[in-house]
Protein backbone atom coordinates (compact mmCIF):
# COMPACT_ATOMS: atom_id res chain seq x y z
CA MET A 1 -1.33 -34.25 -7.77
CA LYS A 2 1.20 -32.37 -9.59
CA VAL A 3 1.66 -28.79 -8.57
CA PHE A 4 4.05 -26.29 -10.67
CA VAL A 5 5.30 -23.36 -8.42
CA THR A 6 6.60 -20.32 -9.94
CA ALA A 7 9.08 -18.07 -7.90
CA GLY A 8 9.45 -21.40 -5.85
CA THR A 9 12.53 -20.25 -3.95
CA GLY A 10 11.49 -17.05 -3.01
CA THR A 11 9.69 -16.03 0.39
CA ILE A 12 6.34 -17.69 -0.37
CA GLY A 13 7.50 -20.30 -2.69
CA THR A 14 9.99 -21.86 -0.23
CA ALA A 15 7.30 -22.13 2.55
CA LEU A 16 4.82 -23.28 0.10
CA VAL A 17 6.94 -26.10 -1.10
CA GLY A 18 7.21 -27.49 2.29
CA GLU A 19 3.52 -27.35 2.63
CA LEU A 20 2.81 -29.10 -0.62
CA ARG A 21 5.05 -31.75 0.41
CA ASN A 22 3.56 -32.54 3.49
CA ARG A 23 0.07 -32.80 1.72
CA GLY A 24 1.77 -35.33 -0.65
CA ALA A 25 1.87 -33.18 -3.86
CA GLU A 26 4.21 -33.78 -6.69
CA VAL A 27 6.18 -30.50 -6.74
CA SER A 28 8.07 -28.90 -9.58
CA VAL A 29 9.55 -25.33 -9.00
CA LEU A 30 10.74 -22.81 -11.40
CA THR A 31 14.01 -20.91 -10.58
CA ARG A 32 16.27 -18.85 -12.45
CA SER A 33 19.27 -20.10 -10.58
CA GLU A 34 20.56 -23.83 -10.97
CA ASP A 35 22.17 -23.44 -7.43
CA LYS A 36 18.89 -23.05 -6.08
CA ALA A 37 17.37 -25.78 -8.36
CA ALA A 38 20.07 -28.08 -6.84
CA ALA A 39 19.45 -27.09 -3.31
CA LEU A 40 15.76 -28.01 -3.38
CA PRO A 41 14.44 -30.53 -1.00
CA ASP A 42 14.54 -33.96 -2.01
CA GLY A 43 11.45 -34.97 -3.94
CA VAL A 44 11.27 -31.45 -5.47
CA ARG A 45 11.95 -31.01 -9.05
CA GLY A 46 13.66 -27.92 -10.11
CA VAL A 47 13.04 -26.28 -13.49
CA VAL A 48 15.63 -23.78 -14.49
CA GLY A 49 14.19 -21.00 -16.68
CA ASP A 50 12.50 -17.81 -16.82
CA LEU A 51 8.84 -16.59 -16.91
CA LEU A 52 9.29 -15.24 -20.39
CA ASP A 53 10.19 -18.58 -21.81
CA LEU A 54 7.01 -19.45 -23.29
CA LYS A 55 7.87 -22.66 -24.68
CA LEU A 56 9.15 -23.97 -21.14
CA LEU A 57 6.04 -22.46 -19.58
CA GLY A 58 3.60 -24.41 -22.04
CA GLU A 59 5.38 -27.53 -21.43
CA GLU A 60 5.52 -27.36 -17.80
CA PHE A 61 1.94 -25.91 -17.31
CA ALA A 62 0.64 -28.80 -19.64
CA ALA A 63 2.22 -31.35 -17.27
CA ALA A 64 0.48 -30.07 -14.17
CA ASP A 65 -2.62 -30.56 -12.48
CA ALA A 66 -2.48 -26.88 -10.73
CA VAL A 67 -0.02 -23.83 -11.24
CA PHE A 68 0.77 -21.31 -8.54
CA LEU A 69 1.42 -18.05 -10.14
CA ASN A 70 3.53 -15.38 -8.15
CA PHE A 71 5.57 -12.95 -10.01
CA PRO A 72 8.43 -10.70 -8.60
CA ILE A 73 8.05 -6.82 -8.45
CA GLY A 74 9.64 -5.34 -11.35
CA GLU A 75 9.58 -3.67 -14.76
CA THR A 76 8.63 -7.00 -16.53
CA GLU A 77 5.70 -7.99 -14.17
CA THR A 78 3.05 -7.10 -16.52
CA PHE A 79 4.50 -8.88 -19.35
CA GLN A 80 5.35 -11.99 -17.25
CA ALA A 81 1.84 -12.19 -15.72
CA MET A 82 -0.36 -11.64 -18.88
CA LEU A 83 1.63 -14.11 -20.82
CA ALA A 84 1.74 -16.72 -18.12
CA VAL A 85 -2.16 -16.47 -17.92
CA ASP A 86 -2.40 -17.07 -21.52
CA ALA A 87 -0.04 -19.93 -21.32
CA ALA A 88 -2.00 -21.67 -18.73
CA LYS A 89 -5.29 -21.16 -20.64
CA ARG A 90 -3.64 -22.57 -23.80
CA ALA A 91 -2.35 -25.48 -21.69
CA GLY A 92 -5.53 -26.37 -20.30
CA VAL A 93 -4.40 -26.00 -16.69
CA GLY A 94 -6.80 -27.47 -14.22
CA HIS A 95 -6.43 -24.70 -11.58
CA LEU A 96 -4.57 -21.70 -11.55
CA VAL A 97 -3.95 -19.93 -7.94
CA TYR A 98 -2.80 -16.28 -8.62
CA VAL A 99 -1.17 -14.22 -5.74
CA SER A 100 -2.53 -10.77 -5.82
CA THR A 101 -2.37 -7.76 -3.28
CA HIS A 102 -4.86 -7.07 -0.34
CA ASP A 103 -7.08 -4.45 -2.20
CA PRO A 104 -6.10 -3.37 -5.79
CA GLU A 105 -9.13 -1.37 -6.61
CA THR A 106 -8.03 1.18 -4.11
CA LEU A 107 -4.45 0.68 -3.59
CA PHE A 108 -3.64 0.86 -7.44
CA THR A 109 -0.93 3.91 -7.42
CA PRO A 110 2.10 1.62 -7.11
CA PRO A 111 2.96 0.01 -10.34
CA HIS A 112 3.28 -3.53 -8.43
CA CYS A 113 -0.12 -2.98 -7.16
CA ALA A 114 -1.84 -1.75 -10.35
CA VAL A 115 -0.80 -4.85 -12.32
CA LYS A 116 -2.58 -7.24 -9.92
CA LEU A 117 -5.80 -5.58 -10.87
CA VAL A 118 -5.08 -6.17 -14.34
CA VAL A 119 -3.96 -9.87 -14.04
CA GLU A 120 -7.10 -10.65 -11.92
CA LYS A 121 -9.22 -9.47 -14.65
CA ALA A 122 -7.19 -11.76 -17.22
CA VAL A 123 -7.42 -14.78 -14.93
CA LYS A 124 -11.11 -14.54 -14.53
CA ALA A 125 -11.52 -14.16 -18.29
CA SER A 126 -8.99 -16.95 -19.28
CA GLY A 127 -11.85 -19.68 -18.53
CA VAL A 128 -9.23 -21.49 -16.47
CA PRO A 129 -10.54 -22.35 -12.90
CA TYR A 130 -8.78 -20.16 -10.45
CA THR A 131 -8.44 -19.10 -7.07
CA ILE A 132 -6.95 -15.52 -5.97
CA LEU A 133 -5.26 -14.74 -2.80
CA ARG A 134 -5.24 -11.20 -2.16
CA LEU A 135 -2.24 -10.92 0.43
CA ASN A 136 -1.43 -7.96 2.93
CA GLU A 137 2.01 -6.66 4.15
CA PHE A 138 4.21 -9.52 5.10
CA MET A 139 5.38 -9.60 8.67
CA GLN A 140 8.66 -11.16 7.35
CA ASN A 141 9.68 -7.81 5.74
CA ASP A 142 10.66 -6.70 9.32
CA ILE A 143 13.68 -9.29 9.19
CA LEU A 144 15.42 -6.86 6.70
CA ALA A 145 15.11 -4.18 9.59
CA LYS A 146 16.82 -6.08 12.40
CA ASP A 147 19.83 -3.95 12.66
CA MET A 148 17.53 -0.95 12.71
CA PHE A 149 15.19 -2.25 15.48
CA LEU A 150 18.33 -3.30 17.49
CA ALA A 151 19.75 0.33 17.11
CA GLY A 152 16.60 1.58 18.71
CA VAL A 153 14.80 2.86 15.75
CA ASN A 154 11.80 1.87 13.64
CA GLY A 155 11.42 3.67 10.51
CA ILE A 156 9.13 1.53 8.44
CA PRO A 157 5.82 4.05 7.69
CA LEU A 158 2.80 1.86 8.83
CA GLY A 159 0.91 5.03 9.98
CA ALA A 160 -1.96 5.44 12.74
CA VAL A 161 -4.63 3.58 11.24
CA GLY A 162 -3.11 0.11 10.89
CA VAL A 163 -2.20 -2.67 8.49
CA SER A 164 -3.35 -6.28 9.00
CA ARG A 165 0.10 -7.88 8.22
CA VAL A 166 0.39 -11.43 7.74
CA ASP A 167 2.73 -14.11 8.35
CA VAL A 168 4.10 -15.84 5.13
CA ARG A 169 3.51 -19.30 6.78
CA ASP A 170 -0.21 -18.70 6.73
CA VAL A 171 0.00 -17.37 3.15
CA ALA A 172 1.91 -20.51 2.25
CA GLU A 173 -0.71 -22.82 4.07
CA ALA A 174 -3.69 -21.17 2.60
CA ALA A 175 -2.26 -21.69 -0.77
CA ALA A 176 -1.48 -25.24 -0.37
CA ILE A 177 -4.95 -25.82 0.69
CA VAL A 178 -6.79 -24.24 -2.06
CA LEU A 179 -4.11 -25.95 -4.54
CA THR A 180 -4.90 -29.33 -2.96
CA THR A 181 -8.38 -29.57 -1.78
CA PRO A 182 -11.81 -29.19 -3.64
CA GLY A 183 -14.27 -26.23 -3.34
CA HIS A 184 -12.02 -23.27 -4.15
CA TYR A 185 -12.78 -22.63 -7.79
CA GLY A 186 -13.83 -19.20 -8.62
CA GLU A 187 -13.05 -17.97 -4.70
CA THR A 188 -10.87 -14.94 -3.88
CA TYR A 189 -9.41 -15.12 -0.34
CA VAL A 190 -7.94 -12.00 1.79
CA VAL A 191 -5.04 -13.38 3.55
CA SER A 192 -4.26 -11.26 6.36
CA GLY A 193 -3.12 -11.18 10.06
CA PRO A 194 -5.70 -11.15 12.81
CA GLU A 195 -5.52 -7.30 13.61
CA PRO A 196 -4.26 -3.94 12.17
CA LEU A 197 -1.21 -2.91 13.56
CA THR A 198 -0.34 0.70 13.51
CA GLY A 199 3.66 1.88 13.25
CA GLN A 200 3.64 2.62 17.05
CA ALA A 201 2.09 -0.93 17.80
CA VAL A 202 4.61 -2.61 15.76
CA THR A 203 7.17 -0.48 17.57
CA ASP A 204 6.01 -1.57 20.86
CA ILE A 205 5.84 -5.24 20.21
CA TRP A 206 9.39 -5.12 18.97
CA SER A 207 10.65 -3.28 22.00
CA ARG A 208 9.13 -5.76 24.39
CA ALA A 209 10.32 -8.89 22.37
CA LEU A 210 13.71 -7.61 22.11
CA GLY A 211 14.04 -5.90 25.47
CA VAL A 212 15.05 -2.63 23.58
CA GLU A 213 13.73 0.85 23.69
CA ILE A 214 12.55 1.52 20.14
CA ALA A 215 11.48 5.14 18.73
CA TYR A 216 8.99 5.01 15.99
CA VAL A 217 10.04 7.67 13.33
CA GLY A 218 8.14 6.11 10.38
CA ASP A 219 5.94 9.40 9.80
CA ASP A 220 9.08 10.65 8.10
CA LEU A 221 8.41 9.80 4.70
CA ALA A 222 11.08 11.97 3.28
CA SER A 223 13.63 9.90 5.04
CA CYS A 224 12.08 6.46 4.19
CA SER A 225 12.43 7.59 0.45
CA MET A 226 16.22 8.10 0.95
CA ILE A 227 16.57 4.77 2.68
CA LEU A 228 14.84 2.92 0.06
CA ASN A 229 16.95 4.71 -2.72
CA GLN A 230 20.08 3.59 -1.29
CA MET A 231 18.76 -0.14 -1.28
CA MET A 232 17.40 -0.68 -4.44
CA PRO A 233 16.94 1.20 -8.02
CA GLN A 234 15.28 4.52 -7.95
CA HIS A 235 11.89 3.12 -9.87
CA LEU A 236 11.68 0.34 -7.51
CA ALA A 237 12.25 2.56 -4.55
CA ARG A 238 9.47 4.84 -5.64
CA ASP A 239 7.09 1.80 -6.30
CA ILE A 240 7.43 0.66 -2.70
CA TRP A 241 7.41 4.18 -1.09
CA LEU A 242 4.21 4.86 -2.83
CA THR A 243 2.91 1.78 -0.90
CA TYR A 244 4.20 2.97 2.32
CA GLU A 245 2.76 6.38 1.68
CA TYR A 246 -0.69 4.75 1.08
CA TYR A 247 -0.32 2.80 4.49
CA ASP A 248 0.69 5.96 6.33
CA ARG A 249 -2.41 7.66 5.12
CA TYR A 250 -5.00 5.12 4.83
CA GLY A 251 -3.76 1.97 6.46
CA GLN A 252 -4.81 -1.57 4.96
CA VAL A 253 -7.27 -3.22 7.40
CA ALA A 254 -8.78 -6.69 6.68
CA ALA A 255 -12.43 -6.93 7.40
CA ALA A 256 -13.47 -8.95 10.23
CA GLU A 257 -15.53 -11.33 7.76
CA ASP A 258 -12.50 -11.80 5.64
CA VAL A 259 -10.21 -12.77 8.91
CA ASP A 260 -13.15 -15.16 10.00
CA ARG A 261 -13.10 -16.76 6.40
CA LEU A 262 -9.40 -17.33 6.37
CA THR A 263 -9.44 -18.90 9.89
CA LYS A 264 -12.11 -21.32 8.44
CA LEU A 265 -9.91 -21.92 5.48
CA LEU A 266 -6.56 -22.65 7.75
CA GLY A 267 -8.68 -24.43 10.59
CA HIS A 268 -7.07 -21.95 13.03
CA ALA A 269 -6.48 -18.12 13.56
CA PRO A 270 -3.90 -16.68 11.42
CA ARG A 271 -0.70 -16.01 13.63
CA SER A 272 -0.30 -12.65 15.56
CA PHE A 273 2.49 -10.13 14.96
CA ALA A 274 3.29 -10.46 18.65
CA GLU A 275 4.02 -14.44 18.13
CA PHE A 276 6.14 -13.54 15.02
CA ALA A 277 8.23 -10.95 16.91
CA ALA A 278 8.79 -13.05 19.77
CA GLU A 279 10.05 -15.89 17.85
CA MET A 280 12.32 -13.64 15.67
CA ALA A 281 13.63 -11.93 18.74
CA GLY A 282 14.44 -15.39 20.22
CA VAL A 283 16.33 -16.38 16.85
CA TRP A 284 18.11 -13.02 16.85
CA LYS A 285 19.33 -13.38 20.47
CA SER A 286 20.56 -16.72 19.84
């Protein structure tokens, strides 16, 4: 089957392309970079363009059996997502798989979460056969904090309730399964890790994996805001900070039945954070 993947050279997309190829799918990847298109694996077709190029989307969607929709966080996410859903409807896409967030009905203050709820509604109203994947926070986000962990500090605000963080590889596998096997039309899957992780639990796991004493200081949300503002534009930093503020107060815990359902979909339990940290620690030490 032919699958068109948006954001195909990003965190999820890169892992998904491999999963789809392993399942024999014919994969096309949308990317804004000619260099990234040229670096795609053999047999994967790169499409250089933009999500706001509606002519391009219409042509590519019409040629695909299924479309994987994932949008970068930013000011244009709403325009990109809503127009892409409309393009999928008009192109007669056979199956639309949309990447949403874990619980947009509750966590809607951050702009990048609020838009997911609106787009979910548009997907369901489009008439296109769809599957929605509601993702928890990525374990792989911690890779950006490598130097901080090795310096003995964890300032990522995950609070004392817990967040059911997910390995991106499980996200990619779940997406590949629903894209290439029957029985998933109209379904919404929560894609999370197997257990909720508090800020202190994450810190302890990294301490053991790295052999370094690490202090958890993630409750200092003011410092977190300052750090984010140094890393990205102010409006994006505020968007991410609002998510961490929510985690700190309320957590984001996956229901047991959602974890069981994901386990059945994958055919195995989702990866644990301890497994992920041990693997990354081995890479970093080498």
